[in-house]
N, C-alpha and C. Protein backbone atom coordinates (compact mmCIF):
# COMPACT_ATOMS: atom_id res chain seq x y z
N MET A 1 -80.92 -20.42 -83.11
CA MET A 1 -80.08 -19.15 -83.29
C MET A 1 -79.11 -19.81 -84.52
N SER A 2 -79.20 -18.73 -85.33
CA SER A 2 -78.13 -19.04 -86.45
C SER A 2 -76.65 -18.77 -86.40
N ILE A 3 -75.98 -19.46 -86.89
CA ILE A 3 -74.49 -19.16 -86.95
C ILE A 3 -74.23 -18.69 -88.41
N ILE A 4 -73.30 -17.30 -88.53
CA ILE A 4 -73.23 -17.06 -89.91
C ILE A 4 -71.42 -17.08 -89.84
N ARG A 5 -71.03 -17.64 -90.91
CA ARG A 5 -69.70 -17.66 -91.04
C ARG A 5 -69.22 -16.85 -92.09
N HIS A 6 -68.00 -16.29 -92.30
CA HIS A 6 -67.36 -15.53 -93.49
C HIS A 6 -66.08 -16.02 -93.58
N ASP A 7 -65.59 -15.70 -94.88
CA ASP A 7 -64.18 -16.32 -95.33
C ASP A 7 -63.69 -17.41 -94.57
N GLU A 8 -64.50 -18.43 -94.90
CA GLU A 8 -64.02 -19.94 -94.59
C GLU A 8 -63.22 -20.43 -95.31
N ASN A 9 -62.20 -21.29 -94.96
CA ASN A 9 -61.29 -22.26 -95.68
C ASN A 9 -61.32 -23.75 -95.20
N ALA A 10 -60.41 -24.28 -95.69
CA ALA A 10 -60.45 -25.89 -94.98
C ALA A 10 -60.34 -26.08 -93.79
N ILE A 11 -59.55 -24.88 -92.92
CA ILE A 11 -59.56 -25.19 -91.52
C ILE A 11 -60.17 -24.29 -90.90
N MET A 12 -60.89 -23.04 -91.09
CA MET A 12 -61.13 -22.11 -90.10
C MET A 12 -62.09 -21.18 -90.87
N SER A 13 -62.97 -20.26 -90.15
CA SER A 13 -63.67 -19.09 -90.70
C SER A 13 -62.71 -17.75 -90.12
N LYS A 14 -62.64 -16.74 -91.09
CA LYS A 14 -62.11 -15.62 -90.45
C LYS A 14 -63.08 -14.87 -89.50
N VAL A 15 -64.34 -14.98 -89.76
CA VAL A 15 -65.31 -14.29 -88.87
C VAL A 15 -66.52 -15.25 -88.68
N VAL A 16 -66.94 -15.36 -87.38
CA VAL A 16 -68.21 -16.05 -86.91
C VAL A 16 -69.08 -15.00 -86.13
N GLU A 17 -70.40 -14.99 -86.78
CA GLU A 17 -71.44 -14.20 -86.06
C GLU A 17 -72.31 -15.22 -85.38
N HIS A 18 -72.83 -14.89 -83.97
CA HIS A 18 -73.76 -15.76 -83.35
C HIS A 18 -74.03 -14.73 -82.05
N ASN A 19 -75.47 -14.92 -82.02
CA ASN A 19 -76.02 -14.32 -80.99
C ASN A 19 -75.54 -13.10 -80.41
N GLY A 20 -75.54 -12.09 -81.45
CA GLY A 20 -75.02 -10.79 -81.20
C GLY A 20 -73.70 -10.58 -80.92
N VAL A 21 -72.81 -11.50 -81.13
CA VAL A 21 -71.57 -11.46 -80.95
C VAL A 21 -70.60 -11.78 -82.03
N VAL A 22 -69.62 -11.13 -82.35
CA VAL A 22 -68.67 -11.46 -83.52
C VAL A 22 -67.27 -11.91 -83.29
N TYR A 23 -66.86 -13.07 -83.70
CA TYR A 23 -65.74 -13.32 -83.43
C TYR A 23 -64.67 -13.36 -84.38
N ILE A 24 -63.53 -12.78 -84.20
CA ILE A 24 -62.57 -12.71 -85.44
C ILE A 24 -61.10 -13.31 -84.96
N SER A 25 -60.83 -14.23 -85.92
CA SER A 25 -59.83 -15.26 -85.93
C SER A 25 -58.38 -14.25 -85.71
N GLY A 26 -57.49 -15.15 -85.53
CA GLY A 26 -56.16 -14.41 -85.30
C GLY A 26 -55.75 -13.70 -86.49
N ASN A 27 -55.30 -12.71 -86.75
CA ASN A 27 -54.51 -11.96 -87.87
C ASN A 27 -53.20 -11.68 -87.73
N THR A 28 -52.55 -11.90 -88.62
CA THR A 28 -51.00 -11.50 -88.58
C THR A 28 -50.86 -10.24 -89.73
N ALA A 29 -49.82 -9.78 -89.92
CA ALA A 29 -49.38 -8.67 -90.89
C ALA A 29 -49.18 -9.32 -92.15
N ASN A 30 -49.64 -8.51 -93.25
CA ASN A 30 -49.29 -9.04 -94.55
C ASN A 30 -48.09 -8.90 -95.11
N ASP A 31 -47.08 -7.89 -94.53
CA ASP A 31 -45.88 -7.53 -94.72
C ASP A 31 -45.06 -7.57 -93.65
N ASN A 32 -44.26 -8.64 -93.46
CA ASN A 32 -43.54 -9.17 -92.27
C ASN A 32 -42.26 -8.54 -92.23
N SER A 33 -42.01 -7.64 -93.46
CA SER A 33 -40.61 -7.21 -93.36
C SER A 33 -40.71 -5.88 -92.55
N VAL A 34 -41.55 -5.38 -92.04
CA VAL A 34 -41.60 -4.16 -91.13
C VAL A 34 -41.66 -4.25 -89.73
N GLY A 35 -41.52 -3.48 -89.10
CA GLY A 35 -41.46 -3.52 -87.49
C GLY A 35 -42.74 -3.59 -86.81
N MET A 36 -42.73 -3.78 -85.42
CA MET A 36 -43.96 -4.03 -84.58
C MET A 36 -44.97 -3.14 -84.61
N LYS A 37 -44.59 -2.00 -84.68
CA LYS A 37 -45.82 -0.82 -84.81
C LYS A 37 -46.45 -0.96 -86.08
N GLU A 38 -45.64 -1.30 -87.28
CA GLU A 38 -46.30 -1.01 -88.58
C GLU A 38 -47.01 -2.40 -88.77
N GLN A 39 -46.51 -3.58 -88.17
CA GLN A 39 -47.24 -4.89 -88.21
C GLN A 39 -48.50 -4.83 -87.61
N THR A 40 -48.45 -4.11 -86.42
CA THR A 40 -49.64 -4.12 -85.61
C THR A 40 -50.58 -3.35 -86.26
N ALA A 41 -50.35 -2.19 -86.83
CA ALA A 41 -51.24 -1.25 -87.56
C ALA A 41 -52.03 -2.01 -88.67
N GLN A 42 -50.96 -2.99 -89.40
CA GLN A 42 -51.65 -3.73 -90.54
C GLN A 42 -52.64 -4.58 -90.05
N VAL A 43 -52.40 -5.29 -89.07
CA VAL A 43 -53.45 -6.43 -88.38
C VAL A 43 -54.60 -5.56 -87.97
N LEU A 44 -54.58 -4.62 -87.22
CA LEU A 44 -55.70 -3.72 -86.96
C LEU A 44 -56.61 -3.33 -88.19
N GLU A 45 -55.91 -2.97 -89.38
CA GLU A 45 -56.60 -2.30 -90.09
C GLU A 45 -57.42 -3.47 -90.91
N THR A 46 -56.90 -4.74 -90.82
CA THR A 46 -57.64 -5.90 -91.41
C THR A 46 -58.64 -6.34 -90.51
N ILE A 47 -58.42 -6.32 -89.23
CA ILE A 47 -59.69 -6.40 -88.38
C ILE A 47 -60.68 -5.26 -88.48
N ASP A 48 -60.23 -4.15 -88.65
CA ASP A 48 -61.54 -3.14 -89.15
C ASP A 48 -62.30 -3.76 -90.22
N GLY A 49 -61.64 -4.31 -91.16
CA GLY A 49 -62.38 -4.81 -92.36
C GLY A 49 -63.18 -6.08 -91.95
N TYR A 50 -62.73 -7.11 -90.97
CA TYR A 50 -63.47 -8.15 -90.64
C TYR A 50 -64.58 -7.75 -89.83
N LEU A 51 -64.35 -6.64 -88.91
CA LEU A 51 -65.40 -6.21 -88.06
C LEU A 51 -66.73 -5.63 -88.63
N ALA A 52 -66.37 -4.99 -89.82
CA ALA A 52 -67.11 -4.50 -90.60
C ALA A 52 -68.23 -5.52 -91.50
N LYS A 53 -67.53 -6.69 -91.73
CA LYS A 53 -68.14 -7.72 -92.45
C LYS A 53 -68.97 -8.30 -91.38
N GLY A 54 -68.72 -8.24 -90.13
CA GLY A 54 -69.84 -9.07 -89.24
C GLY A 54 -70.72 -8.01 -88.81
N GLY A 55 -70.69 -6.75 -89.29
CA GLY A 55 -71.92 -5.80 -88.91
C GLY A 55 -71.50 -5.08 -87.57
N THR A 56 -70.06 -4.84 -87.40
CA THR A 56 -69.88 -4.06 -86.16
C THR A 56 -68.72 -3.01 -86.44
N ASP A 57 -67.97 -2.73 -85.30
CA ASP A 57 -66.99 -2.03 -85.53
C ASP A 57 -66.03 -1.84 -84.09
N LYS A 58 -64.98 -1.31 -84.27
CA LYS A 58 -63.91 -1.46 -83.01
C LYS A 58 -64.68 -0.73 -81.65
N SER A 59 -65.33 0.02 -81.95
CA SER A 59 -66.23 0.78 -80.60
C SER A 59 -67.01 -0.15 -79.88
N LYS A 60 -67.27 -1.46 -80.47
CA LYS A 60 -67.90 -2.29 -79.88
C LYS A 60 -67.12 -3.62 -79.31
N LEU A 61 -65.65 -3.49 -79.45
CA LEU A 61 -64.79 -4.56 -78.85
C LEU A 61 -65.39 -5.06 -77.48
N LEU A 62 -65.05 -6.51 -77.23
CA LEU A 62 -65.46 -6.92 -75.81
C LEU A 62 -64.25 -7.44 -75.34
N THR A 63 -63.36 -8.17 -76.10
CA THR A 63 -62.06 -8.80 -75.76
C THR A 63 -61.15 -8.58 -76.67
N ALA A 64 -59.77 -8.58 -76.54
CA ALA A 64 -58.65 -8.90 -77.40
C ALA A 64 -57.59 -9.75 -76.74
N MET A 65 -57.12 -10.65 -77.54
CA MET A 65 -55.97 -11.53 -77.37
C MET A 65 -54.84 -11.20 -78.35
N ILE A 66 -53.76 -10.63 -77.63
CA ILE A 66 -52.56 -10.47 -78.31
C ILE A 66 -51.48 -11.01 -78.23
N PHE A 67 -50.82 -11.89 -79.02
CA PHE A 67 -49.73 -12.66 -79.10
C PHE A 67 -48.48 -11.89 -79.76
N ILE A 68 -47.53 -11.67 -79.00
CA ILE A 68 -46.40 -11.15 -79.48
C ILE A 68 -45.04 -11.93 -79.52
N SER A 69 -44.18 -11.75 -80.53
CA SER A 69 -43.10 -12.38 -80.23
C SER A 69 -41.80 -12.21 -79.16
N ASP A 70 -41.96 -11.05 -78.91
CA ASP A 70 -40.85 -10.27 -77.96
C ASP A 70 -41.43 -9.20 -77.23
N MET A 71 -41.42 -9.57 -75.83
CA MET A 71 -41.95 -8.56 -75.04
C MET A 71 -41.11 -7.23 -74.96
N SER A 72 -39.96 -7.31 -75.52
CA SER A 72 -39.45 -5.92 -75.37
C SER A 72 -39.87 -5.19 -76.67
N LEU A 73 -40.81 -5.55 -77.30
CA LEU A 73 -41.62 -4.82 -78.71
C LEU A 73 -42.89 -4.36 -78.05
N LYS A 74 -43.31 -4.80 -76.89
CA LYS A 74 -44.70 -4.58 -76.52
C LYS A 74 -45.18 -2.83 -76.46
N PRO A 75 -44.27 -2.01 -76.01
CA PRO A 75 -44.27 -0.67 -76.45
C PRO A 75 -44.90 -0.04 -77.71
N GLU A 76 -44.03 -0.69 -78.62
CA GLU A 76 -44.39 -0.38 -79.94
C GLU A 76 -45.82 -0.86 -80.33
N MET A 77 -46.13 -2.21 -80.15
CA MET A 77 -47.32 -2.59 -80.46
C MET A 77 -48.38 -1.91 -79.51
N ASN A 78 -48.14 -1.39 -78.33
CA ASN A 78 -49.12 -0.46 -77.51
C ASN A 78 -49.19 0.84 -78.32
N GLU A 79 -48.41 1.32 -78.94
CA GLU A 79 -48.36 2.82 -79.73
C GLU A 79 -49.49 2.63 -80.66
N ALA A 80 -49.19 1.57 -81.55
CA ALA A 80 -50.25 1.43 -82.65
C ALA A 80 -51.53 1.01 -82.16
N TRP A 81 -51.72 0.31 -81.05
CA TRP A 81 -52.87 -0.04 -80.31
C TRP A 81 -53.80 1.12 -79.92
N GLU A 82 -52.95 2.05 -79.32
CA GLU A 82 -53.24 3.22 -78.58
C GLU A 82 -54.04 4.26 -79.86
N GLU A 83 -53.30 4.32 -81.03
CA GLU A 83 -53.59 5.23 -82.03
C GLU A 83 -54.98 4.73 -82.67
N TRP A 84 -55.12 3.23 -82.62
CA TRP A 84 -56.30 2.69 -83.21
C TRP A 84 -57.49 2.73 -82.44
N ILE A 85 -57.47 2.39 -81.09
CA ILE A 85 -58.42 1.98 -80.37
C ILE A 85 -59.49 3.28 -80.32
N THR A 86 -60.85 2.99 -80.06
CA THR A 86 -61.86 4.05 -79.71
C THR A 86 -61.79 4.51 -78.39
N PRO A 87 -61.28 5.84 -78.17
CA PRO A 87 -61.21 6.36 -76.61
C PRO A 87 -62.55 6.02 -76.18
N GLY A 88 -62.47 5.35 -74.65
CA GLY A 88 -63.63 5.18 -73.83
C GLY A 88 -64.27 3.81 -74.26
N CYS A 89 -63.64 3.09 -75.27
CA CYS A 89 -64.29 1.68 -75.56
C CYS A 89 -63.20 0.62 -75.56
N HIS A 90 -62.35 0.64 -74.49
CA HIS A 90 -61.16 -0.57 -74.41
C HIS A 90 -61.88 -1.72 -74.05
N PRO A 91 -61.54 -2.90 -74.78
CA PRO A 91 -61.94 -4.08 -74.38
C PRO A 91 -61.26 -4.76 -73.33
N THR A 92 -61.39 -5.72 -72.81
CA THR A 92 -60.33 -6.57 -71.97
C THR A 92 -59.44 -6.92 -72.84
N ARG A 93 -58.25 -7.43 -72.19
CA ARG A 93 -57.16 -7.44 -73.10
C ARG A 93 -56.23 -8.38 -72.45
N ALA A 94 -55.59 -9.08 -73.22
CA ALA A 94 -54.37 -9.91 -72.64
C ALA A 94 -53.37 -9.95 -73.69
N CYS A 95 -52.26 -9.84 -73.09
CA CYS A 95 -50.81 -9.87 -74.10
C CYS A 95 -49.98 -10.76 -73.68
N VAL A 96 -49.55 -11.91 -74.46
CA VAL A 96 -48.75 -12.82 -74.21
C VAL A 96 -47.43 -12.86 -75.22
N CYS A 97 -46.52 -13.29 -74.59
CA CYS A 97 -45.22 -13.60 -75.50
C CYS A 97 -45.53 -15.14 -76.13
N SER A 98 -45.45 -15.29 -77.29
CA SER A 98 -45.56 -16.61 -77.90
C SER A 98 -44.52 -16.67 -79.43
N GLY A 99 -44.39 -18.14 -79.83
CA GLY A 99 -43.80 -18.12 -81.00
C GLY A 99 -44.85 -18.24 -81.92
N LEU A 100 -44.61 -17.52 -82.89
CA LEU A 100 -45.65 -17.21 -83.89
C LEU A 100 -45.39 -18.12 -85.28
N GLY A 101 -46.29 -17.92 -86.24
CA GLY A 101 -45.82 -18.66 -87.53
C GLY A 101 -44.67 -18.45 -88.25
N SER A 102 -43.86 -17.58 -88.14
CA SER A 102 -42.70 -17.41 -88.80
C SER A 102 -41.79 -16.52 -88.06
N PRO A 103 -40.53 -16.35 -88.01
CA PRO A 103 -39.65 -15.49 -86.99
C PRO A 103 -39.81 -13.95 -87.61
N GLN A 104 -40.38 -13.94 -88.76
CA GLN A 104 -40.63 -12.47 -89.12
C GLN A 104 -42.09 -12.08 -88.47
N THR A 105 -42.65 -13.00 -88.28
CA THR A 105 -44.15 -12.51 -87.70
C THR A 105 -44.09 -12.06 -86.08
N LEU A 106 -44.30 -10.62 -85.86
CA LEU A 106 -44.23 -10.09 -84.62
C LEU A 106 -45.41 -10.13 -83.93
N VAL A 107 -46.34 -10.29 -84.34
CA VAL A 107 -47.79 -10.18 -83.58
C VAL A 107 -49.13 -10.68 -84.42
N GLU A 108 -49.78 -11.24 -83.64
CA GLU A 108 -51.16 -11.76 -84.01
C GLU A 108 -52.12 -11.45 -83.08
N ILE A 109 -53.42 -10.85 -83.74
CA ILE A 109 -54.33 -10.43 -82.51
C ILE A 109 -55.88 -11.06 -82.98
N ILE A 110 -56.52 -11.59 -81.91
CA ILE A 110 -57.85 -11.93 -82.08
C ILE A 110 -58.79 -11.23 -81.21
N VAL A 111 -59.87 -10.80 -82.00
CA VAL A 111 -60.82 -9.95 -80.97
C VAL A 111 -62.02 -10.65 -81.08
N THR A 112 -63.12 -10.14 -80.27
CA THR A 112 -64.58 -10.48 -79.95
C THR A 112 -65.26 -9.01 -79.96
N ALA A 113 -66.38 -8.90 -80.53
CA ALA A 113 -67.06 -7.59 -80.60
C ALA A 113 -68.53 -7.96 -80.39
N ALA A 114 -69.30 -6.87 -79.91
CA ALA A 114 -70.64 -7.06 -79.78
C ALA A 114 -71.16 -6.59 -81.11
N LYS A 115 -72.47 -6.81 -81.45
CA LYS A 115 -73.12 -6.31 -82.82
C LYS A 115 -73.87 -4.91 -82.60
């Protein structure tokens, strides 16, 4: 079975395809000057692009791991998530509070999807 990697750099690939499954690396917002809902929406838009690169879409999500810097902001993250997710296609999901790459980074999301 082949492994296909997209957008590789010196330390990682942003997308890996293997055996009918697409793995998307952790993604953060491009503009960290905005709030949680806006950062989450940016991340989800980026994920849409990577899912397409892997030949799938958000309706085929299997799992999501969400890291947020402050649990009090979780309702704002959930707002963006609920606007984005395909109804009836909810993946398994975990949301944990974690220190992220910078104090301005509020959310990082990792997803896995079927093809």
